[in-house]
Amino acid sequence: MSEKSYFDLHITGLGYVNRIREVRPKRGELFLACDVVAIHGDAEEPERTRFDCRVAGQEAQRLVEAMPRHLEADRKVLIGFKLGDLYAESFTYQEGEKAGDIGISLKARLLKISWVRIDGEKVYPPIEARNEETA
């Protein structure tokens, strides 16, 4: 039997983590999700793009599970990320001035977190791990 081939589409960048939650689908298993608001464009006036992510990578899951306490304390959690399996999904706004309008949500899987900064301070990878890499 021949091995299947796949073409991967990955998105890498940096962005803020928000809206960490557990999702219980009607069918299937409970999973961890979060929003990643990617920053891109001109550094003076950066643009932002929101991705609604299912946390897929094991290490990414461990890191995201530790973040809610920082968000609840109004700290800014910035990450270096790698997303995969991007797709768009339409929805209807339920309230506010856009109620009844159609919106688009960009969905992806959060595969990897390469670094984490909380309020500007780098907390992952730990200092010891960074020192070992340069030794």
N, C-alpha and C. Protein backbone atom coordinates (compact mmCIF):
# COMPACT_ATOMS: atom_id res chain seq x y z
N MET A 1 0.84 -1.18 0.00
CA MET A 1 0.00 0.00 0.00
C MET A 1 0.89 1.24 0.00
N SER A 2 0.58 2.21 -0.84
CA SER A 2 1.41 3.40 -0.93
C SER A 2 1.05 4.41 0.16
N GLU A 3 2.05 5.18 0.54
CA GLU A 3 1.87 6.19 1.58
C GLU A 3 1.19 7.43 0.98
N LYS A 4 0.23 8.00 1.73
CA LYS A 4 -0.46 9.20 1.25
C LYS A 4 0.44 10.42 1.38
N SER A 5 0.29 11.35 0.44
CA SER A 5 1.03 12.61 0.47
C SER A 5 0.06 13.73 0.80
N TYR A 6 0.58 14.75 1.47
CA TYR A 6 -0.23 15.91 1.83
C TYR A 6 0.52 17.18 1.50
N PHE A 7 -0.21 18.23 1.23
CA PHE A 7 0.35 19.56 1.09
C PHE A 7 -0.07 20.36 2.31
N ASP A 8 0.90 20.90 3.02
CA ASP A 8 0.61 21.64 4.24
C ASP A 8 0.56 23.14 3.96
N LEU A 9 -0.34 23.81 4.62
CA LEU A 9 -0.40 25.27 4.61
C LEU A 9 -0.19 25.71 6.05
N HIS A 10 0.94 26.34 6.32
CA HIS A 10 1.23 26.80 7.67
C HIS A 10 1.32 28.32 7.69
N ILE A 11 0.90 28.88 8.80
CA ILE A 11 0.98 30.32 9.01
C ILE A 11 1.83 30.53 10.25
N THR A 12 2.87 31.34 10.13
CA THR A 12 3.71 31.65 11.29
C THR A 12 3.65 33.14 11.54
N GLY A 13 3.81 33.51 12.79
CA GLY A 13 3.79 34.92 13.12
C GLY A 13 3.80 35.14 14.61
N LEU A 14 3.39 36.34 15.00
CA LEU A 14 3.26 36.66 16.41
C LEU A 14 1.90 37.28 16.63
N GLY A 15 1.35 37.03 17.81
CA GLY A 15 0.02 37.56 18.09
C GLY A 15 -0.36 37.39 19.55
N TYR A 16 -1.45 38.03 19.90
CA TYR A 16 -1.95 37.99 21.27
C TYR A 16 -2.96 36.86 21.43
N VAL A 17 -2.91 36.19 22.58
CA VAL A 17 -3.84 35.12 22.90
C VAL A 17 -5.00 35.70 23.69
N ASN A 18 -6.23 35.32 23.33
CA ASN A 18 -7.45 35.75 24.02
C ASN A 18 -8.44 34.59 24.05
N ARG A 19 -9.49 34.75 24.81
CA ARG A 19 -10.67 33.88 24.79
C ARG A 19 -10.34 32.39 24.85
N ILE A 20 -9.56 32.01 25.85
CA ILE A 20 -9.24 30.59 26.05
C ILE A 20 -10.48 29.91 26.61
N ARG A 21 -10.81 28.74 26.03
CA ARG A 21 -12.03 28.05 26.46
C ARG A 21 -11.97 26.58 26.08
N GLU A 22 -12.80 25.80 26.76
CA GLU A 22 -12.99 24.41 26.38
C GLU A 22 -14.25 24.34 25.54
N VAL A 23 -14.21 23.61 24.45
CA VAL A 23 -15.35 23.48 23.55
C VAL A 23 -15.85 22.04 23.61
N ARG A 24 -17.14 21.91 23.83
CA ARG A 24 -17.76 20.59 23.87
C ARG A 24 -18.69 20.48 22.65
N PRO A 25 -18.21 19.86 21.57
CA PRO A 25 -19.04 19.74 20.37
C PRO A 25 -20.20 18.76 20.58
N LYS A 26 -21.22 18.88 19.74
CA LYS A 26 -22.36 17.96 19.83
C LYS A 26 -21.89 16.52 19.63
N ARG A 27 -20.99 16.35 18.69
CA ARG A 27 -20.37 15.04 18.46
C ARG A 27 -18.87 15.21 18.59
N GLY A 28 -18.22 14.26 19.16
CA GLY A 28 -16.77 14.35 19.30
C GLY A 28 -16.37 14.68 20.72
N GLU A 29 -15.07 14.82 20.90
CA GLU A 29 -14.51 15.02 22.22
C GLU A 29 -14.28 16.50 22.52
N LEU A 30 -14.27 16.80 23.81
CA LEU A 30 -13.97 18.13 24.33
C LEU A 30 -12.58 18.54 23.83
N PHE A 31 -12.42 19.83 23.46
CA PHE A 31 -11.10 20.30 23.06
C PHE A 31 -10.86 21.72 23.55
N LEU A 32 -9.59 22.10 23.62
CA LEU A 32 -9.17 23.42 24.05
C LEU A 32 -9.10 24.34 22.84
N ALA A 33 -9.60 25.56 22.99
CA ALA A 33 -9.59 26.54 21.90
C ALA A 33 -9.16 27.90 22.45
N CYS A 34 -8.72 28.76 21.55
CA CYS A 34 -8.37 30.13 21.92
C CYS A 34 -8.38 30.99 20.66
N ASP A 35 -8.39 32.28 20.84
CA ASP A 35 -8.22 33.21 19.73
C ASP A 35 -6.76 33.65 19.71
N VAL A 36 -6.19 33.74 18.53
CA VAL A 36 -4.86 34.32 18.35
C VAL A 36 -5.08 35.52 17.43
N VAL A 37 -4.75 36.71 17.93
CA VAL A 37 -4.88 37.93 17.14
C VAL A 37 -3.49 38.26 16.61
N ALA A 38 -3.26 37.90 15.35
CA ALA A 38 -1.96 38.07 14.72
C ALA A 38 -1.72 39.53 14.37
N ILE A 39 -0.48 39.96 14.53
CA ILE A 39 -0.07 41.33 14.22
C ILE A 39 0.77 41.27 12.95
N HIS A 40 0.46 42.14 11.99
CA HIS A 40 1.23 42.16 10.74
C HIS A 40 1.16 43.53 10.11
N GLY A 41 2.04 43.76 9.14
CA GLY A 41 2.05 45.04 8.44
C GLY A 41 3.04 46.02 9.03
N ASP A 42 2.81 47.29 8.76
CA ASP A 42 3.67 48.39 9.20
C ASP A 42 3.79 48.40 10.72
N ALA A 43 5.03 48.43 11.22
CA ALA A 43 5.26 48.42 12.67
C ALA A 43 4.68 49.65 13.35
N GLU A 44 4.58 50.76 12.63
CA GLU A 44 4.02 51.98 13.21
C GLU A 44 2.50 51.90 13.34
N GLU A 45 1.86 51.23 12.40
CA GLU A 45 0.40 51.06 12.41
C GLU A 45 0.07 49.62 12.02
N PRO A 46 0.36 48.67 12.93
CA PRO A 46 0.14 47.27 12.56
C PRO A 46 -1.34 46.93 12.39
N GLU A 47 -1.57 45.96 11.52
CA GLU A 47 -2.92 45.43 11.34
C GLU A 47 -3.05 44.19 12.19
N ARG A 48 -4.30 43.81 12.46
CA ARG A 48 -4.56 42.63 13.27
C ARG A 48 -5.54 41.71 12.54
N THR A 49 -5.27 40.41 12.61
CA THR A 49 -6.15 39.41 12.04
C THR A 49 -6.42 38.36 13.11
N ARG A 50 -7.70 38.08 13.37
CA ARG A 50 -8.07 37.12 14.42
C ARG A 50 -8.26 35.73 13.84
N PHE A 51 -7.66 34.76 14.50
CA PHE A 51 -7.83 33.35 14.16
C PHE A 51 -8.48 32.65 15.35
N ASP A 52 -9.55 31.93 15.10
CA ASP A 52 -10.20 31.10 16.12
C ASP A 52 -9.53 29.74 16.03
N CYS A 53 -8.78 29.37 17.06
CA CYS A 53 -7.90 28.20 16.96
C CYS A 53 -8.31 27.06 17.88
N ARG A 54 -8.22 25.88 17.34
CA ARG A 54 -8.28 24.65 18.13
C ARG A 54 -6.83 24.34 18.49
N VAL A 55 -6.54 24.19 19.78
CA VAL A 55 -5.17 23.94 20.20
C VAL A 55 -4.85 22.47 19.94
N ALA A 56 -3.89 22.22 19.05
CA ALA A 56 -3.63 20.85 18.59
C ALA A 56 -2.32 20.28 19.10
N GLY A 57 -1.28 21.06 19.14
CA GLY A 57 0.02 20.55 19.58
C GLY A 57 0.04 20.29 21.07
N GLN A 58 0.70 19.21 21.48
CA GLN A 58 0.73 18.82 22.89
C GLN A 58 1.40 19.90 23.75
N GLU A 59 2.55 20.40 23.32
CA GLU A 59 3.24 21.46 24.07
C GLU A 59 2.43 22.75 24.03
N ALA A 60 1.82 23.06 22.89
CA ALA A 60 0.96 24.25 22.79
C ALA A 60 -0.20 24.13 23.78
N GLN A 61 -0.77 22.96 23.90
CA GLN A 61 -1.88 22.76 24.83
C GLN A 61 -1.43 23.01 26.27
N ARG A 62 -0.27 22.48 26.63
CA ARG A 62 0.26 22.69 27.99
C ARG A 62 0.46 24.18 28.27
N LEU A 63 1.00 24.90 27.29
CA LEU A 63 1.25 26.33 27.48
C LEU A 63 -0.05 27.13 27.56
N VAL A 64 -1.01 26.85 26.68
CA VAL A 64 -2.29 27.58 26.68
C VAL A 64 -3.05 27.31 27.98
N GLU A 65 -2.99 26.10 28.49
CA GLU A 65 -3.69 25.78 29.74
C GLU A 65 -3.18 26.62 30.91
N ALA A 66 -1.94 27.12 30.83
CA ALA A 66 -1.36 27.93 31.90
C ALA A 66 -1.66 29.42 31.73
N MET A 67 -2.29 29.83 30.64
CA MET A 67 -2.47 31.26 30.34
C MET A 67 -3.70 31.93 30.94
N PRO A 68 -4.81 31.25 31.24
CA PRO A 68 -6.00 31.96 31.70
C PRO A 68 -5.78 32.88 32.90
N ARG A 69 -4.96 32.47 33.85
CA ARG A 69 -4.74 33.32 35.03
C ARG A 69 -4.08 34.65 34.65
N HIS A 70 -3.26 34.63 33.62
CA HIS A 70 -2.62 35.88 33.17
C HIS A 70 -3.64 36.78 32.47
N LEU A 71 -4.50 36.19 31.66
CA LEU A 71 -5.53 36.98 30.97
C LEU A 71 -6.53 37.55 31.97
N GLU A 72 -6.89 36.75 32.99
CA GLU A 72 -7.82 37.23 34.02
C GLU A 72 -7.24 38.40 34.80
N ALA A 73 -5.91 38.46 34.89
CA ALA A 73 -5.22 39.56 35.58
C ALA A 73 -4.92 40.71 34.62
N ASP A 74 -5.56 40.71 33.44
CA ASP A 74 -5.39 41.75 32.41
C ASP A 74 -3.95 41.91 31.93
N ARG A 75 -3.21 40.81 31.92
CA ARG A 75 -1.87 40.84 31.35
C ARG A 75 -1.96 40.55 29.86
N LYS A 76 -1.03 41.07 29.10
CA LYS A 76 -0.96 40.83 27.66
C LYS A 76 -0.09 39.60 27.41
N VAL A 77 -0.66 38.60 26.74
CA VAL A 77 0.06 37.37 26.43
C VAL A 77 0.33 37.35 24.93
N LEU A 78 1.60 37.51 24.57
CA LEU A 78 2.05 37.55 23.18
C LEU A 78 2.82 36.27 22.89
N ILE A 79 2.54 35.63 21.75
CA ILE A 79 3.21 34.38 21.41
C ILE A 79 3.77 34.41 19.99
N GLY A 80 4.78 33.59 19.78
CA GLY A 80 5.21 33.23 18.43
C GLY A 80 4.47 31.95 18.11
N PHE A 81 3.81 31.87 16.96
CA PHE A 81 2.93 30.73 16.70
C PHE A 81 3.13 30.13 15.32
N LYS A 82 2.63 28.91 15.20
CA LYS A 82 2.52 28.21 13.91
C LYS A 82 1.12 27.62 13.85
N LEU A 83 0.35 28.03 12.84
CA LEU A 83 -1.01 27.54 12.64
C LEU A 83 -1.05 26.66 11.40
N GLY A 84 -2.03 25.77 11.36
CA GLY A 84 -2.22 24.92 10.19
C GLY A 84 -3.69 24.71 9.91
N ASP A 85 -3.98 24.15 8.76
CA ASP A 85 -5.34 23.78 8.36
C ASP A 85 -6.32 24.95 8.41
N LEU A 86 -5.93 26.07 7.83
CA LEU A 86 -6.76 27.28 7.81
C LEU A 86 -8.00 27.10 6.95
N TYR A 87 -9.15 27.55 7.47
CA TYR A 87 -10.37 27.61 6.66
C TYR A 87 -11.26 28.73 7.19
N ALA A 88 -12.16 29.20 6.36
CA ALA A 88 -13.09 30.27 6.74
C ALA A 88 -14.46 29.68 7.00
N GLU A 89 -15.17 30.26 7.97
CA GLU A 89 -16.52 29.80 8.30
C GLU A 89 -17.41 31.04 8.47
N SER A 90 -18.58 31.01 7.86
CA SER A 90 -19.48 32.16 7.98
C SER A 90 -20.37 32.00 9.22
N PHE A 91 -20.82 33.14 9.73
CA PHE A 91 -21.73 33.16 10.88
C PHE A 91 -22.60 34.40 10.77
N THR A 92 -23.66 34.46 11.56
CA THR A 92 -24.54 35.62 11.60
C THR A 92 -24.39 36.30 12.96
N TYR A 93 -24.11 37.60 12.94
CA TYR A 93 -24.02 38.35 14.19
C TYR A 93 -25.38 38.31 14.88
N GLN A 94 -25.38 38.04 16.18
CA GLN A 94 -26.62 37.89 16.94
C GLN A 94 -27.04 39.17 17.66
N GLU A 95 -26.09 40.06 17.94
CA GLU A 95 -26.43 41.27 18.69
C GLU A 95 -25.54 42.43 18.26
N GLY A 96 -25.83 43.60 18.80
CA GLY A 96 -25.05 44.79 18.47
C GLY A 96 -25.50 45.41 17.16
N GLU A 97 -24.74 46.40 16.71
CA GLU A 97 -25.12 47.11 15.49
C GLU A 97 -24.98 46.26 14.24
N LYS A 98 -24.25 45.14 14.33
CA LYS A 98 -24.10 44.24 13.18
C LYS A 98 -25.10 43.08 13.22
N ALA A 99 -26.03 43.09 14.17
CA ALA A 99 -27.00 41.99 14.32
C ALA A 99 -27.68 41.71 12.98
N GLY A 100 -27.68 40.43 12.60
CA GLY A 100 -28.28 40.02 11.34
C GLY A 100 -27.32 39.99 10.17
N ASP A 101 -26.17 40.68 10.29
CA ASP A 101 -25.17 40.68 9.23
C ASP A 101 -24.39 39.37 9.23
N ILE A 102 -23.85 39.03 8.07
CA ILE A 102 -23.01 37.84 7.94
C ILE A 102 -21.56 38.24 8.21
N GLY A 103 -20.86 37.42 8.99
CA GLY A 103 -19.45 37.63 9.27
C GLY A 103 -18.66 36.40 8.87
N ILE A 104 -17.36 36.55 8.82
CA ILE A 104 -16.47 35.44 8.48
C ILE A 104 -15.49 35.25 9.63
N SER A 105 -15.33 34.01 10.06
CA SER A 105 -14.36 33.65 11.09
C SER A 105 -13.27 32.80 10.46
N LEU A 106 -12.01 33.16 10.70
CA LEU A 106 -10.90 32.35 10.22
C LEU A 106 -10.57 31.32 11.28
N LYS A 107 -10.64 30.06 10.91
CA LYS A 107 -10.40 28.95 11.84
C LYS A 107 -9.09 28.28 11.47
N ALA A 108 -8.38 27.77 12.48
CA ALA A 108 -7.12 27.07 12.25
C ALA A 108 -6.80 26.20 13.45
N ARG A 109 -5.78 25.40 13.29
CA ARG A 109 -5.27 24.61 14.41
C ARG A 109 -3.98 25.26 14.88
N LEU A 110 -3.87 25.49 16.20
CA LEU A 110 -2.63 26.02 16.78
C LEU A 110 -1.70 24.83 16.99
N LEU A 111 -0.69 24.74 16.14
CA LEU A 111 0.20 23.58 16.14
C LEU A 111 1.37 23.74 17.09
N LYS A 112 1.91 24.97 17.15
CA LYS A 112 3.13 25.16 17.93
C LYS A 112 3.21 26.58 18.46
N ILE A 113 3.74 26.71 19.67
CA ILE A 113 4.07 28.01 20.26
C ILE A 113 5.58 28.01 20.44
N SER A 114 6.27 28.93 19.77
CA SER A 114 7.74 28.94 19.84
C SER A 114 8.26 29.78 20.99
N TRP A 115 7.51 30.80 21.41
CA TRP A 115 7.89 31.61 22.56
C TRP A 115 6.66 32.29 23.13
N VAL A 116 6.76 32.72 24.40
CA VAL A 116 5.67 33.41 25.09
C VAL A 116 6.25 34.62 25.83
N ARG A 117 5.59 35.76 25.68
CA ARG A 117 5.92 36.96 26.47
C ARG A 117 4.66 37.38 27.21
N ILE A 118 4.81 37.66 28.49
CA ILE A 118 3.69 38.15 29.29
C ILE A 118 4.06 39.55 29.76
N ASP A 119 3.25 40.53 29.35
CA ASP A 119 3.54 41.94 29.61
C ASP A 119 4.97 42.30 29.21
N GLY A 120 5.41 41.77 28.06
CA GLY A 120 6.73 42.09 27.52
C GLY A 120 7.87 41.24 28.03
N GLU A 121 7.66 40.45 29.08
CA GLU A 121 8.72 39.62 29.65
C GLU A 121 8.66 38.21 29.06
N LYS A 122 9.78 37.77 28.50
CA LYS A 122 9.83 36.44 27.89
C LYS A 122 9.80 35.38 28.99
N VAL A 123 8.80 34.49 28.93
CA VAL A 123 8.66 33.44 29.95
C VAL A 123 8.82 32.04 29.37
N TYR A 124 8.78 31.92 28.05
CA TYR A 124 8.96 30.62 27.41
C TYR A 124 9.66 30.85 26.08
N PRO A 125 10.70 30.08 25.75
CA PRO A 125 11.23 29.01 26.58
C PRO A 125 11.92 29.57 27.81
N PRO A 126 11.99 28.76 28.87
CA PRO A 126 12.62 29.23 30.11
C PRO A 126 14.06 29.65 29.87
N ILE A 127 14.57 30.52 30.71
CA ILE A 127 15.94 31.03 30.56
C ILE A 127 16.94 29.89 30.50
N GLU A 128 16.76 28.85 31.35
CA GLU A 128 17.69 27.72 31.36
C GLU A 128 17.74 27.06 29.98
N ALA A 129 16.60 26.87 29.35
CA ALA A 129 16.54 26.23 28.03
C ALA A 129 17.23 27.10 26.99
N ARG A 130 17.05 28.41 27.09
CA ARG A 130 17.69 29.31 26.13
C ARG A 130 19.21 29.28 26.31
N ASN A 131 19.69 29.20 27.57
CA ASN A 131 21.12 29.13 27.84
C ASN A 131 21.72 27.83 27.31
N GLU A 132 20.98 26.72 27.43
CA GLU A 132 21.45 25.42 26.93
C GLU A 132 21.58 25.45 25.42
N GLU A 133 20.66 26.14 24.73
CA GLU A 133 20.70 26.20 23.27
C GLU A 133 21.92 26.95 22.77
N THR A 134 22.37 27.97 23.51
CA THR A 134 23.51 28.78 23.08
C THR A 134 24.84 28.21 23.53
N ALA A 135 24.82 27.24 24.44
CA ALA A 135 26.07 26.65 24.97
C ALA A 135 26.70 25.70 23.98
